[in-house]
Amino acid sequence: MTINEVQDQIIEEFSAFDDWLAKYDYLIELSNQLPPIDPQYKTNEYLIKGCQSRVWLNAELQNGKVIFTADSDAIITKGIIALLIRVLSNRTPDEILDADLYFIDRIGLKENLSPTRANGLLSMIKQIRMYALAYKTKSEAQK
């Protein structure tokens, strides 16, 4: 599936819910489905700066694609990072850098988050893109 196909799938899933309480419940459900991050990555080095909650993010390049793992100590935040990983993990650095993450606005995520959580969302996206840029730069330097 392409990034946009995954985003469209997420938009469709969220459209099944009438209100944001149900959507928050779904985010909690998604957080429970997030594969656990290796404990070695639950250190300050992997913490995303700018999040009110603690969010750990690790990225590894495998066969030209960036694989993300993450965890958070806050359940809603963990659901948000689970969505981002679903869309952006197992993609090339260029795909991640070029992605228009329109699902965030379409499901109303940003407007239904507190200002601190909305800032955290932007910090998560920024960190994911920084990993992609680092891997892109590294692979170009090796050519």
N, C-alpha and C. Protein backbone atom coordinates (compact mmCIF):
# COMPACT_ATOMS: atom_id res chain seq x y z
N MET A 1 0.83 -1.20 0.00
CA MET A 1 0.00 0.00 0.00
C MET A 1 0.87 1.26 0.00
N THR A 2 0.42 2.26 -0.72
CA THR A 2 1.15 3.52 -0.71
C THR A 2 0.82 4.30 0.56
N ILE A 3 1.59 5.34 0.81
CA ILE A 3 1.33 6.20 1.96
C ILE A 3 -0.09 6.76 1.88
N ASN A 4 -0.49 7.22 0.70
CA ASN A 4 -1.83 7.81 0.57
C ASN A 4 -2.93 6.77 0.75
N GLU A 5 -2.69 5.54 0.31
CA GLU A 5 -3.70 4.49 0.52
C GLU A 5 -3.87 4.20 2.01
N VAL A 6 -2.77 4.19 2.75
CA VAL A 6 -2.86 3.97 4.20
C VAL A 6 -3.59 5.14 4.86
N GLN A 7 -3.28 6.37 4.43
CA GLN A 7 -3.95 7.54 4.99
C GLN A 7 -5.45 7.48 4.71
N ASP A 8 -5.82 7.10 3.48
CA ASP A 8 -7.24 7.00 3.13
C ASP A 8 -7.94 5.95 3.98
N GLN A 9 -7.23 4.86 4.27
CA GLN A 9 -7.78 3.80 5.12
C GLN A 9 -8.03 4.34 6.54
N ILE A 10 -7.08 5.11 7.06
CA ILE A 10 -7.23 5.69 8.39
C ILE A 10 -8.41 6.67 8.42
N ILE A 11 -8.53 7.49 7.39
CA ILE A 11 -9.64 8.45 7.31
C ILE A 11 -10.97 7.69 7.33
N GLU A 12 -11.03 6.60 6.58
CA GLU A 12 -12.25 5.80 6.53
C GLU A 12 -12.55 5.19 7.91
N GLU A 13 -11.53 4.67 8.57
CA GLU A 13 -11.72 4.09 9.91
C GLU A 13 -12.26 5.13 10.88
N PHE A 14 -11.69 6.32 10.88
CA PHE A 14 -12.12 7.37 11.81
C PHE A 14 -13.50 7.93 11.46
N SER A 15 -13.89 7.84 10.20
CA SER A 15 -15.20 8.36 9.80
C SER A 15 -16.34 7.52 10.37
N ALA A 16 -16.03 6.32 10.85
CA ALA A 16 -17.05 5.45 11.45
C ALA A 16 -17.50 5.96 12.82
N PHE A 17 -16.74 6.89 13.39
CA PHE A 17 -17.05 7.39 14.73
C PHE A 17 -17.71 8.76 14.64
N ASP A 18 -18.75 8.94 15.44
CA ASP A 18 -19.53 10.19 15.39
C ASP A 18 -18.92 11.32 16.21
N ASP A 19 -18.23 10.98 17.28
CA ASP A 19 -17.71 12.06 18.12
C ASP A 19 -16.27 11.76 18.53
N TRP A 20 -15.64 12.77 19.14
CA TRP A 20 -14.23 12.61 19.47
C TRP A 20 -13.97 11.70 20.66
N LEU A 21 -14.96 11.48 21.51
CA LEU A 21 -14.74 10.51 22.58
C LEU A 21 -14.54 9.11 22.00
N ALA A 22 -15.33 8.78 21.00
CA ALA A 22 -15.19 7.48 20.32
C ALA A 22 -13.85 7.41 19.58
N LYS A 23 -13.44 8.53 18.99
CA LYS A 23 -12.16 8.56 18.27
C LYS A 23 -10.99 8.40 19.25
N TYR A 24 -11.11 9.01 20.44
CA TYR A 24 -10.07 8.83 21.46
C TYR A 24 -10.01 7.36 21.89
N ASP A 25 -11.18 6.73 22.04
CA ASP A 25 -11.20 5.31 22.38
C ASP A 25 -10.47 4.50 21.31
N TYR A 26 -10.67 4.88 20.05
CA TYR A 26 -10.01 4.17 18.95
C TYR A 26 -8.49 4.40 19.01
N LEU A 27 -8.08 5.62 19.33
CA LEU A 27 -6.63 5.89 19.49
C LEU A 27 -6.04 5.01 20.60
N ILE A 28 -6.80 4.84 21.67
CA ILE A 28 -6.34 3.98 22.78
C ILE A 28 -6.21 2.54 22.28
N GLU A 29 -7.18 2.10 21.50
CA GLU A 29 -7.12 0.76 20.92
C GLU A 29 -5.87 0.61 20.04
N LEU A 30 -5.60 1.63 19.23
CA LEU A 30 -4.41 1.60 18.36
C LEU A 30 -3.13 1.56 19.19
N SER A 31 -3.13 2.26 20.31
CA SER A 31 -1.93 2.28 21.16
C SER A 31 -1.63 0.88 21.69
N ASN A 32 -2.68 0.11 21.94
CA ASN A 32 -2.49 -1.26 22.43
C ASN A 32 -1.95 -2.19 21.36
N GLN A 33 -2.12 -1.80 20.09
CA GLN A 33 -1.65 -2.63 18.98
C GLN A 33 -0.22 -2.29 18.55
N LEU A 34 0.33 -1.21 19.10
CA LEU A 34 1.69 -0.80 18.73
C LEU A 34 2.69 -1.84 19.24
N PRO A 35 3.49 -2.42 18.33
CA PRO A 35 4.48 -3.40 18.80
C PRO A 35 5.42 -2.75 19.81
N PRO A 36 5.85 -3.50 20.81
CA PRO A 36 6.71 -2.90 21.84
C PRO A 36 8.07 -2.51 21.27
N ILE A 37 8.59 -1.42 21.79
CA ILE A 37 9.93 -0.97 21.40
C ILE A 37 10.93 -1.75 22.26
N ASP A 38 12.08 -2.03 21.70
CA ASP A 38 13.14 -2.71 22.45
C ASP A 38 13.52 -1.82 23.63
N PRO A 39 13.57 -2.38 24.85
CA PRO A 39 13.89 -1.55 26.03
C PRO A 39 15.16 -0.74 25.91
N GLN A 40 16.13 -1.18 25.09
CA GLN A 40 17.38 -0.41 24.94
C GLN A 40 17.15 0.96 24.33
N TYR A 41 15.98 1.17 23.69
CA TYR A 41 15.68 2.46 23.07
C TYR A 41 14.82 3.35 23.97
N LYS A 42 14.49 2.89 25.16
CA LYS A 42 13.71 3.71 26.09
C LYS A 42 14.67 4.49 26.99
N THR A 43 15.52 5.30 26.31
CA THR A 43 16.47 6.14 27.02
C THR A 43 16.29 7.57 26.55
N ASN A 44 16.93 8.50 27.24
CA ASN A 44 16.83 9.92 26.89
C ASN A 44 17.27 10.20 25.46
N GLU A 45 18.21 9.40 24.97
CA GLU A 45 18.72 9.60 23.61
C GLU A 45 17.62 9.46 22.55
N TYR A 46 16.61 8.64 22.83
CA TYR A 46 15.54 8.38 21.86
C TYR A 46 14.25 9.13 22.17
N LEU A 47 14.27 9.94 23.23
CA LEU A 47 13.09 10.74 23.56
C LEU A 47 12.88 11.84 22.51
N ILE A 48 11.63 12.06 22.14
CA ILE A 48 11.32 13.15 21.21
C ILE A 48 11.20 14.43 22.01
N LYS A 49 11.99 15.42 21.63
CA LYS A 49 11.94 16.72 22.31
C LYS A 49 10.68 17.47 21.85
N GLY A 50 10.03 18.17 22.76
CA GLY A 50 8.87 18.96 22.41
C GLY A 50 7.55 18.28 22.71
N CYS A 51 7.60 17.07 23.23
CA CYS A 51 6.38 16.37 23.62
C CYS A 51 6.21 16.51 25.14
N GLN A 52 4.98 16.79 25.56
CA GLN A 52 4.70 16.87 26.98
C GLN A 52 4.84 15.49 27.62
N SER A 53 4.34 14.48 26.92
CA SER A 53 4.50 13.10 27.37
C SER A 53 5.86 12.61 26.91
N ARG A 54 6.27 11.51 27.49
CA ARG A 54 7.53 10.92 27.03
C ARG A 54 7.22 10.00 25.85
N VAL A 55 7.91 10.24 24.74
CA VAL A 55 7.76 9.43 23.53
C VAL A 55 9.15 9.03 23.07
N TRP A 56 9.36 7.73 22.96
CA TRP A 56 10.64 7.21 22.47
C TRP A 56 10.44 6.76 21.03
N LEU A 57 11.38 7.12 20.17
CA LEU A 57 11.29 6.74 18.76
C LEU A 57 12.64 6.23 18.30
N ASN A 58 12.63 5.08 17.68
CA ASN A 58 13.85 4.53 17.08
C ASN A 58 13.58 4.29 15.61
N ALA A 59 14.62 4.47 14.81
CA ALA A 59 14.51 4.22 13.37
C ALA A 59 15.73 3.41 12.93
N GLU A 60 15.48 2.45 12.06
CA GLU A 60 16.57 1.66 11.48
C GLU A 60 16.33 1.55 9.99
N LEU A 61 17.40 1.61 9.23
CA LEU A 61 17.31 1.47 7.77
C LEU A 61 17.54 0.00 7.43
N GLN A 62 16.55 -0.61 6.79
CA GLN A 62 16.65 -2.01 6.37
C GLN A 62 16.23 -2.10 4.91
N ASN A 63 17.15 -2.55 4.07
CA ASN A 63 16.87 -2.69 2.63
C ASN A 63 16.34 -1.40 2.01
N GLY A 64 16.91 -0.28 2.41
CA GLY A 64 16.54 1.01 1.84
C GLY A 64 15.28 1.61 2.40
N LYS A 65 14.67 0.96 3.39
CA LYS A 65 13.43 1.48 3.99
C LYS A 65 13.65 1.74 5.48
N VAL A 66 12.99 2.79 5.97
CA VAL A 66 13.12 3.17 7.38
C VAL A 66 12.03 2.46 8.18
N ILE A 67 12.46 1.72 9.19
CA ILE A 67 11.55 1.00 10.07
C ILE A 67 11.55 1.73 11.41
N PHE A 68 10.35 2.15 11.84
CA PHE A 68 10.23 2.87 13.11
C PHE A 68 9.62 1.97 14.19
N THR A 69 10.12 2.14 15.40
CA THR A 69 9.48 1.57 16.58
C THR A 69 9.36 2.71 17.59
N ALA A 70 8.32 2.64 18.42
CA ALA A 70 8.09 3.74 19.35
C ALA A 70 7.31 3.26 20.57
N ASP A 71 7.30 4.12 21.57
CA ASP A 71 6.49 3.89 22.76
C ASP A 71 6.25 5.24 23.42
N SER A 72 5.25 5.29 24.26
CA SER A 72 4.97 6.51 25.03
C SER A 72 4.41 6.12 26.38
N ASP A 73 4.58 7.01 27.35
CA ASP A 73 4.01 6.76 28.67
C ASP A 73 2.59 7.30 28.77
N ALA A 74 2.09 7.91 27.70
CA ALA A 74 0.72 8.43 27.66
C ALA A 74 -0.06 7.69 26.57
N ILE A 75 -1.21 7.16 26.91
CA ILE A 75 -1.92 6.26 26.02
C ILE A 75 -2.43 6.93 24.74
N ILE A 76 -2.94 8.16 24.82
CA ILE A 76 -3.41 8.87 23.61
C ILE A 76 -2.22 9.18 22.71
N THR A 77 -1.14 9.65 23.31
CA THR A 77 0.07 9.95 22.55
C THR A 77 0.61 8.70 21.88
N LYS A 78 0.54 7.58 22.58
CA LYS A 78 1.00 6.31 22.01
C LYS A 78 0.13 5.94 20.80
N GLY A 79 -1.17 6.24 20.86
CA GLY A 79 -2.05 6.00 19.72
C GLY A 79 -1.69 6.88 18.54
N ILE A 80 -1.31 8.12 18.82
CA ILE A 80 -0.92 9.06 17.76
C ILE A 80 0.36 8.58 17.07
N ILE A 81 1.36 8.20 17.86
CA ILE A 81 2.61 7.73 17.24
C ILE A 81 2.36 6.42 16.50
N ALA A 82 1.42 5.60 16.97
CA ALA A 82 1.07 4.37 16.27
C ALA A 82 0.52 4.69 14.88
N LEU A 83 -0.31 5.73 14.78
CA LEU A 83 -0.84 6.15 13.48
C LEU A 83 0.29 6.61 12.56
N LEU A 84 1.19 7.43 13.08
CA LEU A 84 2.29 7.94 12.27
C LEU A 84 3.18 6.80 11.78
N ILE A 85 3.44 5.84 12.65
CA ILE A 85 4.27 4.70 12.26
C ILE A 85 3.55 3.87 11.19
N ARG A 86 2.26 3.71 11.36
CA ARG A 86 1.48 2.95 10.37
C ARG A 86 1.60 3.57 8.98
N VAL A 87 1.60 4.88 8.93
CA VAL A 87 1.68 5.58 7.64
C VAL A 87 3.12 5.61 7.11
N LEU A 88 4.10 5.85 7.98
CA LEU A 88 5.44 6.19 7.52
C LEU A 88 6.51 5.11 7.69
N SER A 89 6.25 4.09 8.47
CA SER A 89 7.26 3.05 8.64
C SER A 89 7.31 2.15 7.42
N ASN A 90 8.49 1.60 7.18
CA ASN A 90 8.71 0.70 6.04
C ASN A 90 8.60 1.44 4.71
N ARG A 91 9.06 2.68 4.71
CA ARG A 91 9.08 3.54 3.51
C ARG A 91 10.51 3.99 3.26
N THR A 92 10.78 4.42 2.04
CA THR A 92 12.09 4.97 1.74
C THR A 92 12.20 6.35 2.38
N PRO A 93 13.42 6.82 2.63
CA PRO A 93 13.57 8.17 3.16
C PRO A 93 12.87 9.22 2.30
N ASP A 94 12.98 9.10 0.96
CA ASP A 94 12.31 10.08 0.09
C ASP A 94 10.80 10.05 0.25
N GLU A 95 10.23 8.86 0.37
CA GLU A 95 8.77 8.77 0.55
C GLU A 95 8.35 9.48 1.83
N ILE A 96 9.12 9.31 2.89
CA ILE A 96 8.80 9.95 4.17
C ILE A 96 8.93 11.46 4.05
N LEU A 97 10.01 11.92 3.43
CA LEU A 97 10.24 13.36 3.31
C LEU A 97 9.21 14.03 2.40
N ASP A 98 8.74 13.30 1.38
CA ASP A 98 7.79 13.88 0.43
C ASP A 98 6.33 13.71 0.84
N ALA A 99 6.06 12.96 1.90
CA ALA A 99 4.68 12.64 2.28
C ALA A 99 3.91 13.88 2.72
N ASP A 100 2.71 14.02 2.19
CA ASP A 100 1.76 15.03 2.64
C ASP A 100 0.84 14.31 3.62
N LEU A 101 0.98 14.59 4.88
CA LEU A 101 0.21 13.87 5.91
C LEU A 101 -1.18 14.50 6.08
N TYR A 102 -1.98 14.37 5.04
CA TYR A 102 -3.30 14.99 5.03
C TYR A 102 -4.30 14.32 5.96
N PHE A 103 -4.04 13.09 6.35
CA PHE A 103 -5.00 12.39 7.22
C PHE A 103 -5.17 13.10 8.56
N ILE A 104 -4.13 13.78 9.02
CA ILE A 104 -4.19 14.46 10.32
C ILE A 104 -5.31 15.49 10.34
N ASP A 105 -5.40 16.30 9.28
CA ASP A 105 -6.48 17.30 9.20
C ASP A 105 -7.83 16.65 8.90
N ARG A 106 -7.82 15.65 8.02
CA ARG A 106 -9.08 15.04 7.59
C ARG A 106 -9.81 14.32 8.72
N ILE A 107 -9.06 13.73 9.65
CA ILE A 107 -9.73 13.07 10.77
C ILE A 107 -9.96 14.05 11.93
N GLY A 108 -9.46 15.28 11.78
CA GLY A 108 -9.65 16.30 12.81
C GLY A 108 -8.74 16.13 14.00
N LEU A 109 -7.63 15.44 13.80
CA LEU A 109 -6.75 15.13 14.93
C LEU A 109 -6.17 16.38 15.57
N LYS A 110 -5.53 17.22 14.78
CA LYS A 110 -4.85 18.39 15.34
C LYS A 110 -5.82 19.31 16.08
N GLU A 111 -6.99 19.54 15.49
CA GLU A 111 -7.94 20.48 16.11
C GLU A 111 -8.60 19.91 17.37
N ASN A 112 -8.51 18.61 17.58
CA ASN A 112 -9.11 18.01 18.77
C ASN A 112 -8.08 17.61 19.82
N LEU A 113 -6.86 18.09 19.65
CA LEU A 113 -5.83 17.87 20.65
C LEU A 113 -5.61 19.14 21.45
N SER A 114 -5.17 18.97 22.67
CA SER A 114 -4.79 20.15 23.45
C SER A 114 -3.58 20.79 22.76
N PRO A 115 -3.32 22.07 23.01
CA PRO A 115 -2.17 22.72 22.37
C PRO A 115 -0.85 21.98 22.63
N THR A 116 -0.67 21.45 23.84
CA THR A 116 0.59 20.75 24.12
C THR A 116 0.67 19.43 23.34
N ARG A 117 -0.46 18.73 23.21
CA ARG A 117 -0.45 17.49 22.41
C ARG A 117 -0.26 17.80 20.93
N ALA A 118 -0.86 18.89 20.45
CA ALA A 118 -0.69 19.28 19.04
C ALA A 118 0.78 19.59 18.77
N ASN A 119 1.44 20.27 19.70
CA ASN A 119 2.88 20.53 19.56
C ASN A 119 3.66 19.22 19.56
N GLY A 120 3.24 18.30 20.40
CA GLY A 120 3.88 16.99 20.45
C GLY A 120 3.74 16.25 19.13
N LEU A 121 2.57 16.35 18.52
CA LEU A 121 2.34 15.72 17.22
C LEU A 121 3.32 16.27 16.18
N LEU A 122 3.47 17.59 16.17
CA LEU A 122 4.41 18.21 15.23
C LEU A 122 5.84 17.77 15.52
N SER A 123 6.17 17.64 16.79
CA SER A 123 7.52 17.18 17.17
C SER A 123 7.76 15.74 16.72
N MET A 124 6.74 14.89 16.82
CA MET A 124 6.87 13.51 16.36
C MET A 124 7.13 13.46 14.85
N ILE A 125 6.35 14.23 14.11
CA ILE A 125 6.52 14.27 12.64
C ILE A 125 7.91 14.79 12.29
N LYS A 126 8.33 15.84 12.98
CA LYS A 126 9.65 16.43 12.73
C LYS A 126 10.75 15.39 12.98
N GLN A 127 10.64 14.64 14.09
CA GLN A 127 11.67 13.66 14.42
C GLN A 127 11.69 12.52 13.39
N ILE A 128 10.53 12.07 12.96
CA ILE A 128 10.44 11.02 11.93
C ILE A 128 11.13 11.50 10.65
N ARG A 129 10.86 12.75 10.27
CA ARG A 129 11.47 13.29 9.05
C ARG A 129 12.97 13.50 9.23
N MET A 130 13.42 13.83 10.43
CA MET A 130 14.85 14.00 10.69
C MET A 130 15.58 12.67 10.51
N TYR A 131 14.98 11.59 11.00
CA TYR A 131 15.57 10.27 10.78
C TYR A 131 15.65 9.97 9.29
N ALA A 132 14.58 10.24 8.56
CA ALA A 132 14.55 9.98 7.11
C ALA A 132 15.64 10.79 6.40
N LEU A 133 15.77 12.06 6.77
CA LEU A 133 16.78 12.92 6.16
C LEU A 133 18.18 12.40 6.47
N ALA A 134 18.39 11.98 7.71
CA ALA A 134 19.71 11.45 8.10
C ALA A 134 20.06 10.21 7.28
N TYR A 135 19.10 9.30 7.12
CA TYR A 135 19.37 8.09 6.33
C TYR A 135 19.55 8.41 4.86
N LYS A 136 18.80 9.38 4.35
CA LYS A 136 18.96 9.77 2.94
C LYS A 136 20.36 10.35 2.72
N THR A 137 20.77 11.25 3.61
CA THR A 137 22.08 11.90 3.51
C THR A 137 23.19 10.85 3.61
N LYS A 138 23.04 9.93 4.54
CA LYS A 138 24.05 8.89 4.75
C LYS A 138 24.17 8.00 3.50
N SER A 139 23.04 7.60 2.92
CA SER A 139 23.11 6.71 1.75
C SER A 139 23.64 7.45 0.52
N GLU A 140 23.34 8.75 0.41
CA GLU A 140 23.90 9.53 -0.71
C GLU A 140 25.39 9.71 -0.57
N ALA A 141 25.86 9.82 0.67
CA ALA A 141 27.29 9.99 0.91
C ALA A 141 28.08 8.70 0.59
N GLN A 142 27.38 7.57 0.68
CA GLN A 142 28.03 6.29 0.44
C GLN A 142 28.12 5.95 -1.06
N LYS A 143 27.42 6.73 -1.90
CA LYS A 143 27.42 6.45 -3.33
C LYS A 143 28.70 6.93 -3.99
